[in-house]
Structures are given as structure tokens and as C-alpha cells.
Amino acid sequence: MYLLPTREWVDALAAYVRALSPRRVLEVGAGDGFLSACLAAAVPEVRTQIEGLERELQFVRESLQATIEELETSNEELQATNEELVASNEELQSTNEELSSVNEELNSVNAEHQAKIHELSEVNDDLDHLFRATTVGTLFLDDELAVRRFSTPVTAIFPLQAGDLRRPIRDIASRLVGVDFEPICAEVLRSGQQSEREVETADGGRFLLRVAPYLQRRRISGVVANFVDTTPLKTALTTVHRLQRVIDSLPMSAVIVDGAGRITLVNAAWDRFAAIASANPPPWIGADYLAASSANREALDGLRAVLARRTDRFSLEYPCHSASQQRWFRMDAAPMEGEPGAVITHTEVTDRKLLEAR
């Protein structure tokens, strides 16, 4: 029989048991009958506590095992992630190298583009200066015959302004008389053949109209119309024709030479005299009059003096006999007013010479 322990003893025993590990408590209780009996009889709450601690310990072990397994899984995942990151880093480095190469190429292309832009800017500036400086009216139309670009002189024919770009040319009134401009451009656009004609404006201006296809990469993408002002030329031709009629009315043979002594104009009397003197007279315009006069030294020196403006007049009488007739002429030469050259006339003086010989 065991004596029942006192309360103080139980508390001391409980403190001792709590200080032991649960496993040690079980070992001690199993080996010591007295301690086991005391534990069983006196302190049932200790066993309950021990069982709770064992359950808690088992739960902690299971939790720890699960945590270890989770950590191992997480470590494997982290290792896989790390490998992916390493592979991604290598790819990024390779991509970075490629991007660096592409960036160098882009810089090179950008430099080429900048050079091209500079060249295009210069060409555009040259074209603008050409348009401002030229006296030829130029009109660019696209493949729908709308205004693309124009030079200032063309505004004498079409009242164009900067706001008229992209407007159809048919909507813009022209000052041309007796000609429809749009159908001419449409035909050139259709056929690809250049068209050229003389046109006139309502104010009497005369122009040479030349319409040509605008080729872009070997494809017709519009037309270019040039208006060359021929009014001064027509005026000059009218003056020349008037001068021709004036000298043709003279009874004596007349010829006009330039500063080098080349013939620029002859009258009808000259042509008649040349036809009598030769069955096949040479073409006179452009011929060297000084060379033709080289046989007569006095005449050659006198003409050179007139062309050099060392004298304001030269005269010389000379015979021009044929097999059947004796004839004499007087050559008079005077410098042109306001320009290089001279006017030379040949007047027949045969009657006077014959009278003087009697």
C-alpha cells in the first residue's frame, strides 16, 4: 500500500514532470512503479497535460514535416525560376546586343535620311528659286488635272493663288483665247505624247504652249505645261518684217552686217542683182561679207574702219563689168546706231560714169 501524497508533494512532482520532456516522462513512469502509480493515482491532470503536449508535439512534427516539404518544393520551384531567370537574362543580353546593333543601323540610316532630307531641302530651295527667277510660266497638274505647283509667270494666264493648290484646273478661268486648255492636258495624260502650239491671251500676249507628261517611276502621274512668252519675239519679228519691207522699197542694193562682218539682212534689190550676177547665188544670211570683199583692199580696209567705228562713213566707186555690159557702182557704208554692225548700200552709177567719159 502506498501512502497518499500531500498537495505540496504533488505540485513539486508536477513541476518536475513538466520540466521533463514528454518522452522522458513516459520512460520514467514506465520504469518506476512507484512514480507510475503516483502519476496514475495522484496527478491525473499531469497525464492529461502530457497527452495534450504529445498531441501538440505530434501536430508540430507534422506541421514541421509539411513545412519542410513545402520548403523543398518552394526551393525546387525557386531553382527552376532561377534557371528561367538565368536563361531570360541570357536572352535579354542577346536581345540587348541585337538592339545595340539595330540602334547602330538606325543611327546610320538616320544619318543617311538626314543627308537625303538636306539634299531634298536644297533641291526644293533650288526649285523655288528657279520658279521665282524664271520668266517661263510653268504649271504642274496631277493625274486628275488638279493644280500641284505653279510658277509666278503663269499667273498672267491663270489667276492662281496659293490656296488654289489641289483645285481642278477646269474650275479656274484662263485668259487664253480660242483654245480649251483642259482637253489638251487630258489628251497628253491619255496618250503620253507631248503637245505644242502657239496660243494668245485676251490682252494680246502670245505664248508657246508646251504640254508634256509628268513621269514618276515610269508612270504618267500628271502633266507639266510651260508657257513661253513669245510676245517680245513676235514684236521683234514684226519689227524685222517692217524693216525688211522698208529696205525692200529702196532702189539700191542694201545689206546689213553684224560686228564681225557677217550678213544678217539683204533687200530685194540685192537678191535681184545677185540673180543677174550669178545663176546660183549663195545663201547670203550668215555669209562673211568681209571675205567676199577681200579682193578689193581699199574696200576691205574701209569696211573694217566703219565696223571699228574709226570713221562714220566710207564710200567707194568700183566697176562691175560683164561680158556684154559695162556697169559701175558706188558702195556706201555707215555704222549701225546703238549696236555693232553696219549698213552697206550699192548704188549703180553707170549713167554718170558714161556721161563723164564722153
Protein backbone atom coordinates (compact mmCIF):
# COMPACT_ATOMS: atom_id res chain seq x y z
CA MET A 1 0.00 0.00 0.00
CA TYR A 2 1.29 3.48 -0.86
CA LEU A 3 0.72 6.49 1.29
CA LEU A 4 -1.30 9.20 -0.36
CA PRO A 5 0.95 12.12 -1.23
CA THR A 6 0.37 15.55 0.08
CA ARG A 7 -0.63 18.51 -2.13
CA GLU A 8 2.79 20.08 -1.87
CA TRP A 9 4.41 16.90 -2.97
CA VAL A 10 2.12 16.59 -5.96
CA ASP A 11 2.85 20.17 -7.01
CA ALA A 12 6.60 19.52 -6.71
CA LEU A 13 6.21 16.33 -8.72
CA ALA A 14 4.16 18.10 -11.34
CA ALA A 15 6.83 20.78 -11.67
CA TYR A 16 9.47 18.10 -12.03
CA VAL A 17 7.39 16.27 -14.64
CA ARG A 18 6.75 19.48 -16.58
CA ALA A 19 10.49 20.05 -16.63
CA LEU A 20 10.95 16.69 -18.27
CA SER A 21 10.28 16.07 -21.92
CA PRO A 22 7.13 14.09 -22.56
CA ARG A 23 9.07 11.17 -23.82
CA ARG A 24 11.26 11.22 -20.71
CA VAL A 25 8.17 11.33 -18.54
CA LEU A 26 6.84 8.19 -20.16
CA GLU A 27 10.20 6.48 -19.82
CA VAL A 28 10.46 7.39 -16.17
CA GLY A 29 6.84 6.35 -15.49
CA ALA A 30 7.31 3.01 -17.20
CA GLY A 31 10.45 2.17 -15.26
CA ASP A 32 9.43 3.28 -11.86
CA GLY A 33 6.35 1.54 -10.49
CA PHE A 34 6.08 3.98 -7.65
CA LEU A 35 6.34 7.00 -9.92
CA SER A 36 3.93 5.43 -12.34
CA ALA A 37 1.49 4.69 -9.55
CA CYS A 38 1.86 8.19 -8.23
CA LEU A 39 1.30 9.62 -11.66
CA ALA A 40 -1.71 7.41 -12.20
CA ALA A 41 -3.24 7.95 -8.75
CA ALA A 42 -2.18 11.35 -7.64
CA VAL A 43 -1.81 13.53 -10.65
CA PRO A 44 -4.21 12.58 -13.44
CA GLU A 45 -4.07 16.16 -14.77
CA VAL A 46 -0.37 15.66 -15.48
CA ARG A 47 -1.13 12.76 -17.79
CA THR A 48 -3.82 14.81 -19.47
CA GLN A 49 -1.31 17.60 -19.91
CA ILE A 50 1.28 15.15 -21.18
CA GLU A 51 -1.16 13.68 -23.67
CA GLY A 52 -2.04 17.20 -24.83
CA LEU A 53 1.62 18.02 -25.15
CA GLU A 54 2.19 14.81 -27.11
CA ARG A 55 -0.68 15.63 -29.42
CA GLU A 56 0.65 19.16 -29.79
CA LEU A 57 4.12 17.76 -30.39
CA GLN A 58 2.77 15.38 -33.00
CA PHE A 59 0.94 18.26 -34.65
CA VAL A 60 4.12 20.36 -34.58
CA ARG A 61 6.06 17.48 -36.08
CA GLU A 62 3.51 17.02 -38.82
CA SER A 63 3.42 20.75 -39.40
CA LEU A 64 7.20 20.86 -39.48
CA GLN A 65 7.30 17.97 -41.92
CA ALA A 66 4.71 19.67 -44.12
CA THR A 67 6.65 22.94 -43.88
CA ILE A 68 9.86 21.11 -44.81
CA GLU A 69 8.14 19.51 -47.78
CA GLU A 70 6.70 22.87 -48.79
CA LEU A 71 10.12 24.47 -48.41
CA GLU A 72 11.68 21.74 -50.51
CA THR A 73 9.01 22.24 -53.16
CA SER A 74 9.47 26.01 -52.97
CA ASN A 75 13.23 25.54 -53.23
CA GLU A 76 12.79 23.40 -56.33
CA GLU A 77 10.45 26.00 -57.77
CA LEU A 78 12.92 28.73 -56.87
CA GLN A 79 15.73 26.80 -58.52
CA ALA A 80 13.60 26.36 -61.65
CA THR A 81 12.67 30.04 -61.53
CA ASN A 82 16.32 30.94 -61.10
CA GLU A 83 17.24 28.83 -64.10
CA GLU A 84 14.48 30.53 -66.11
CA LEU A 85 15.76 33.91 -64.92
CA VAL A 86 19.29 32.98 -65.95
CA ALA A 87 18.01 31.88 -69.37
CA SER A 88 15.92 35.05 -69.60
CA ASN A 89 18.94 37.13 -68.63
CA GLU A 90 20.99 35.47 -71.36
CA GLU A 91 18.19 36.13 -73.83
CA LEU A 92 17.99 39.73 -72.64
CA GLN A 93 21.73 40.13 -73.07
CA SER A 94 21.49 38.66 -76.56
CA THR A 95 18.50 40.90 -77.28
CA ASN A 96 20.42 43.87 -75.91
CA GLU A 97 23.30 43.11 -78.26
CA GLU A 98 20.85 42.83 -81.16
CA LEU A 99 19.21 46.08 -80.11
CA SER A 100 22.61 47.75 -79.95
CA SER A 101 23.33 46.51 -83.47
CA VAL A 102 19.90 47.66 -84.64
CA ASN A 103 20.45 51.00 -82.93
CA GLU A 104 23.73 51.44 -84.80
CA GLU A 105 21.98 50.59 -88.06
CA LEU A 106 19.19 53.02 -87.20
CA ASN A 107 21.75 55.72 -86.48
CA SER A 108 23.38 55.03 -89.83
CA VAL A 109 20.01 55.06 -91.60
CA ASN A 110 19.04 58.20 -89.73
CA ALA A 111 22.25 59.89 -90.86
CA GLU A 112 21.50 58.85 -94.45
CA HIS A 113 17.94 60.13 -94.10
CA GLN A 114 19.21 63.42 -92.71
CA ALA A 115 21.55 63.73 -95.68
CA LYS A 116 18.68 62.93 -98.06
CA ILE A 117 16.44 65.43 -96.30
CA HIS A 118 19.18 68.04 -96.64
CA GLU A 119 19.56 67.24 -100.33
CA LEU A 120 15.78 67.37 -100.84
CA SER A 121 15.66 70.68 -98.98
CA GLU A 122 18.37 72.08 -101.25
CA VAL A 123 16.59 70.76 -104.35
CA ASN A 124 13.32 72.26 -103.15
CA ASP A 125 15.05 75.58 -102.48
CA ASP A 126 16.66 75.46 -105.93
CA LEU A 127 13.28 74.73 -107.48
CA ASP A 128 11.66 77.61 -105.57
CA HIS A 129 14.42 80.00 -106.67
CA LEU A 130 14.11 78.73 -110.24
CA PHE A 131 10.37 79.31 -110.15
CA ARG A 132 10.89 82.83 -108.82
CA ALA A 133 13.66 83.67 -111.29
CA THR A 134 12.33 82.11 -114.49
CA THR A 135 10.21 84.01 -116.97
CA VAL A 136 8.63 80.80 -118.24
CA GLY A 137 5.21 80.10 -116.82
CA THR A 138 5.14 76.51 -115.52
CA LEU A 139 2.06 74.68 -114.30
CA PHE A 140 2.14 71.19 -112.73
CA LEU A 141 -1.09 69.18 -112.75
CA ASP A 142 -1.65 65.78 -111.13
CA ASP A 143 -3.30 62.75 -112.73
CA GLU A 144 -6.73 64.27 -112.00
CA LEU A 145 -5.67 67.56 -113.63
CA ALA A 146 -5.65 69.38 -110.31
CA VAL A 147 -3.09 72.10 -109.59
CA ARG A 148 0.01 70.69 -107.92
CA ARG A 149 2.50 73.57 -108.30
CA PHE A 150 2.92 76.67 -110.42
CA SER A 151 5.42 79.44 -111.10
CA THR A 152 4.65 83.14 -110.81
CA PRO A 153 4.67 83.96 -114.57
CA VAL A 154 1.82 81.51 -115.19
CA THR A 155 -0.49 83.80 -113.19
CA ALA A 156 -0.58 86.02 -116.29
CA ILE A 157 -2.69 83.26 -117.86
CA PHE A 158 -4.41 81.67 -114.85
CA PRO A 159 -5.29 83.83 -111.81
CA LEU A 160 -3.77 81.31 -109.42
CA GLN A 161 -3.09 81.81 -105.73
CA ALA A 162 -1.52 79.66 -103.03
CA GLY A 163 -4.96 78.50 -101.92
CA ASP A 164 -5.68 77.06 -105.39
CA LEU A 165 -3.41 74.06 -104.90
CA ARG A 166 -5.31 70.76 -105.40
CA ARG A 167 -8.09 72.59 -107.23
CA PRO A 168 -9.13 71.13 -110.62
CA ILE A 169 -7.84 73.29 -113.45
CA ARG A 170 -11.29 73.28 -115.03
CA ASP A 171 -12.56 75.34 -112.09
CA ILE A 172 -10.02 78.11 -112.79
CA ALA A 173 -10.78 80.56 -115.59
CA SER A 174 -7.96 81.18 -118.05
CA ARG A 175 -7.18 84.23 -120.18
CA LEU A 176 -6.50 82.08 -123.24
CA VAL A 177 -8.42 82.96 -126.39
CA GLY A 178 -9.66 80.35 -128.84
CA VAL A 179 -8.22 77.34 -127.04
CA ASP A 180 -9.56 74.99 -124.35
CA PHE A 181 -6.68 74.13 -122.04
CA GLU A 182 -8.11 71.19 -120.09
CA PRO A 183 -8.79 68.88 -123.10
CA ILE A 184 -5.22 69.44 -124.29
CA CYS A 185 -3.89 68.28 -120.91
CA ALA A 186 -6.31 65.34 -120.81
CA GLU A 187 -5.11 64.16 -124.23
CA VAL A 188 -1.45 64.37 -123.17
CA LEU A 189 -2.30 62.49 -119.97
CA ARG A 190 -4.06 59.80 -122.01
CA SER A 191 -1.59 59.42 -124.89
CA GLY A 192 1.68 60.30 -123.16
CA GLN A 193 2.62 62.41 -126.20
CA GLN A 194 3.86 65.99 -125.90
CA SER A 195 1.69 68.74 -127.36
CA GLU A 196 2.97 72.11 -128.61
CA ARG A 197 1.13 75.09 -130.10
CA GLU A 198 1.02 78.86 -130.12
CA VAL A 199 -1.70 80.48 -128.03
CA GLU A 200 -2.86 84.01 -127.39
CA THR A 201 -4.35 85.74 -124.35
CA ALA A 202 -7.17 88.24 -124.21
CA ASP A 203 -4.74 91.14 -123.68
CA GLY A 204 -2.78 90.31 -126.85
CA GLY A 205 0.01 88.29 -125.24
CA ARG A 206 1.46 85.46 -127.31
CA PHE A 207 2.82 82.26 -125.80
CA LEU A 208 4.29 78.99 -126.95
CA LEU A 209 2.34 76.32 -125.05
CA ARG A 210 4.14 73.03 -124.50
CA VAL A 211 2.36 70.30 -122.50
CA ALA A 212 4.38 67.18 -121.61
CA PRO A 213 3.56 64.12 -119.48
CA TYR A 214 4.90 64.08 -115.91
CA LEU A 215 6.63 60.73 -115.41
CA GLN A 216 7.06 59.27 -111.93
CA ARG A 217 8.73 55.86 -111.75
CA ARG A 218 7.98 55.39 -115.45
CA ARG A 219 4.30 56.03 -114.85
CA ILE A 220 2.40 59.09 -116.05
CA SER A 221 1.18 60.82 -112.90
CA GLY A 222 0.27 64.19 -114.34
CA VAL A 223 1.30 66.81 -116.88
CA VAL A 224 3.64 69.82 -116.99
CA ALA A 225 2.57 72.85 -119.00
CA ASN A 226 5.08 75.52 -120.00
CA PHE A 227 4.04 78.92 -121.32
CA VAL A 228 6.96 80.63 -123.07
CA ASP A 229 6.20 84.31 -123.63
CA THR A 230 6.88 84.91 -127.34
CA THR A 231 5.41 88.41 -127.32
CA PRO A 232 8.87 90.10 -127.44
CA LEU A 233 9.92 87.68 -130.18
CA LYS A 234 6.76 88.36 -132.15
CA THR A 235 7.32 92.08 -131.68
CA ALA A 236 10.91 91.73 -132.83
CA LEU A 237 9.82 89.68 -135.84
CA THR A 238 7.24 92.31 -136.66
CA THR A 239 9.98 94.94 -136.46
CA VAL A 240 12.26 92.85 -138.66
CA HIS A 241 9.49 92.33 -141.18
CA ARG A 242 8.75 96.04 -141.14
CA LEU A 243 12.47 96.78 -141.61
CA GLN A 244 12.59 94.22 -144.41
CA ARG A 245 9.72 95.95 -146.16
CA VAL A 246 11.45 99.31 -145.70
CA ILE A 247 14.78 98.25 -147.19
CA ASP A 248 12.99 96.28 -149.92
CA SER A 249 11.47 99.57 -151.05
CA LEU A 250 14.94 101.08 -151.62
CA PRO A 251 16.09 101.13 -155.26
CA MET A 252 19.71 100.39 -154.42
CA SER A 253 21.08 97.07 -153.19
CA ALA A 254 21.37 97.07 -149.39
CA VAL A 255 22.92 94.65 -146.91
CA ILE A 256 23.22 94.76 -143.13
CA VAL A 257 26.20 93.09 -141.41
CA ASP A 258 26.91 92.45 -137.72
CA GLY A 259 30.01 93.49 -135.80
CA ALA A 260 32.00 90.57 -137.25
CA GLY A 261 31.04 91.44 -140.80
CA ARG A 262 28.53 88.60 -141.29
CA ILE A 263 25.39 89.34 -143.29
CA THR A 264 22.18 89.49 -141.25
CA LEU A 265 19.77 91.06 -143.76
CA VAL A 266 19.60 91.86 -147.52
CA ASN A 267 16.91 93.62 -149.55
CA ALA A 268 15.05 92.60 -152.69
CA ALA A 269 17.30 94.73 -154.92
CA TRP A 270 20.32 92.81 -153.60
CA ASP A 271 18.63 89.49 -154.44
CA ARG A 272 17.78 90.75 -157.96
CA PHE A 273 21.33 91.94 -158.54
CA ALA A 274 22.75 88.64 -157.23
CA ALA A 275 20.45 86.68 -159.53
CA ILE A 276 21.72 88.69 -162.50
CA ALA A 277 25.35 88.34 -161.46
CA SER A 278 25.16 84.59 -160.79
CA ALA A 279 22.81 81.83 -161.87
CA ASN A 280 23.20 80.13 -158.46
CA PRO A 281 23.81 82.82 -155.84
CA PRO A 282 24.92 81.52 -152.43
CA PRO A 283 22.73 81.92 -149.35
CA TRP A 284 23.57 85.37 -148.10
CA ILE A 285 22.34 85.27 -144.49
CA GLY A 286 25.32 84.36 -142.30
CA ALA A 287 27.88 84.79 -145.09
CA ASP A 288 31.14 86.65 -144.36
CA TYR A 289 30.90 89.96 -146.23
CA LEU A 290 34.50 90.90 -145.42
CA ALA A 291 35.78 87.70 -147.00
CA ALA A 292 33.76 88.42 -150.12
CA SER A 293 35.35 91.90 -150.27
CA SER A 294 38.92 90.74 -149.66
CA ALA A 295 39.82 91.07 -153.36
CA ASN A 296 39.50 94.84 -153.09
CA ARG A 297 41.96 96.00 -150.45
CA GLU A 298 40.57 99.54 -150.32
CA ALA A 299 37.03 98.27 -149.81
CA LEU A 300 38.16 95.80 -147.12
CA ASP A 301 40.08 98.45 -145.16
CA GLY A 302 37.20 100.92 -145.43
CA LEU A 303 34.64 98.38 -144.13
CA ARG A 304 36.88 97.43 -141.22
CA ALA A 305 37.23 101.09 -140.29
CA VAL A 306 33.44 101.51 -140.29
CA LEU A 307 32.89 98.36 -138.17
CA ALA A 308 35.55 99.54 -135.71
CA ARG A 309 33.84 102.98 -135.67
CA ARG A 310 37.04 104.72 -136.67
CA THR A 311 35.00 106.51 -139.31
CA ASP A 312 31.31 107.30 -139.62
CA ARG A 313 31.13 106.78 -143.42
CA PHE A 314 33.01 105.08 -146.22
CA SER A 315 32.36 105.39 -149.99
CA LEU A 316 33.99 103.69 -152.96
CA GLU A 317 33.15 103.55 -156.64
CA TYR A 318 34.06 100.34 -158.45
CA PRO A 319 33.41 98.71 -161.83
CA CYS A 320 31.32 95.58 -162.14
CA HIS A 321 31.53 94.74 -165.85
CA SER A 322 30.11 91.70 -167.54
CA ALA A 323 30.92 90.26 -170.95
CA SER A 324 28.09 92.15 -172.55
CA GLN A 325 27.80 95.28 -170.42
CA GLN A 326 29.86 97.78 -168.52
CA ARG A 327 28.49 98.84 -165.13
CA TRP A 328 29.75 100.94 -162.23
CA PHE A 329 28.54 101.06 -158.64
CA ARG A 330 29.15 103.17 -155.56
CA MET A 331 29.43 101.40 -152.23
CA ASP A 332 28.41 103.42 -149.14
CA ALA A 333 28.95 102.02 -145.63
CA ALA A 334 27.87 103.54 -142.30
CA PRO A 335 27.88 102.12 -138.77
CA MET A 336 24.63 100.96 -137.14
CA GLU A 337 23.19 103.19 -134.45
CA GLY A 338 23.14 101.67 -130.96
CA GLU A 339 24.54 98.23 -131.87
CA PRO A 340 27.58 96.68 -133.60
CA GLY A 341 27.37 96.36 -137.36
CA ALA A 342 26.99 98.45 -140.48
CA VAL A 343 24.58 99.26 -143.31
CA ILE A 344 26.09 98.87 -146.75
CA THR A 345 24.41 100.02 -149.99
CA HIS A 346 25.43 99.58 -153.59
CA THR A 347 24.06 102.25 -155.98
CA GLU A 348 24.52 101.94 -159.71
CA VAL A 349 26.32 104.99 -161.20
CA THR A 350 26.77 103.65 -164.75
CA ASP A 351 24.93 106.56 -166.44
CA ARG A 352 27.06 109.13 -164.63
CA LYS A 353 30.25 107.31 -165.48
CA LEU A 354 29.32 107.09 -169.14
CA LEU A 355 28.46 110.79 -169.24
CA GLU A 356 31.76 111.64 -167.58
CA ALA A 357 33.64 109.51 -170.13
CA ARG A 358 32.22 111.49 -173.11
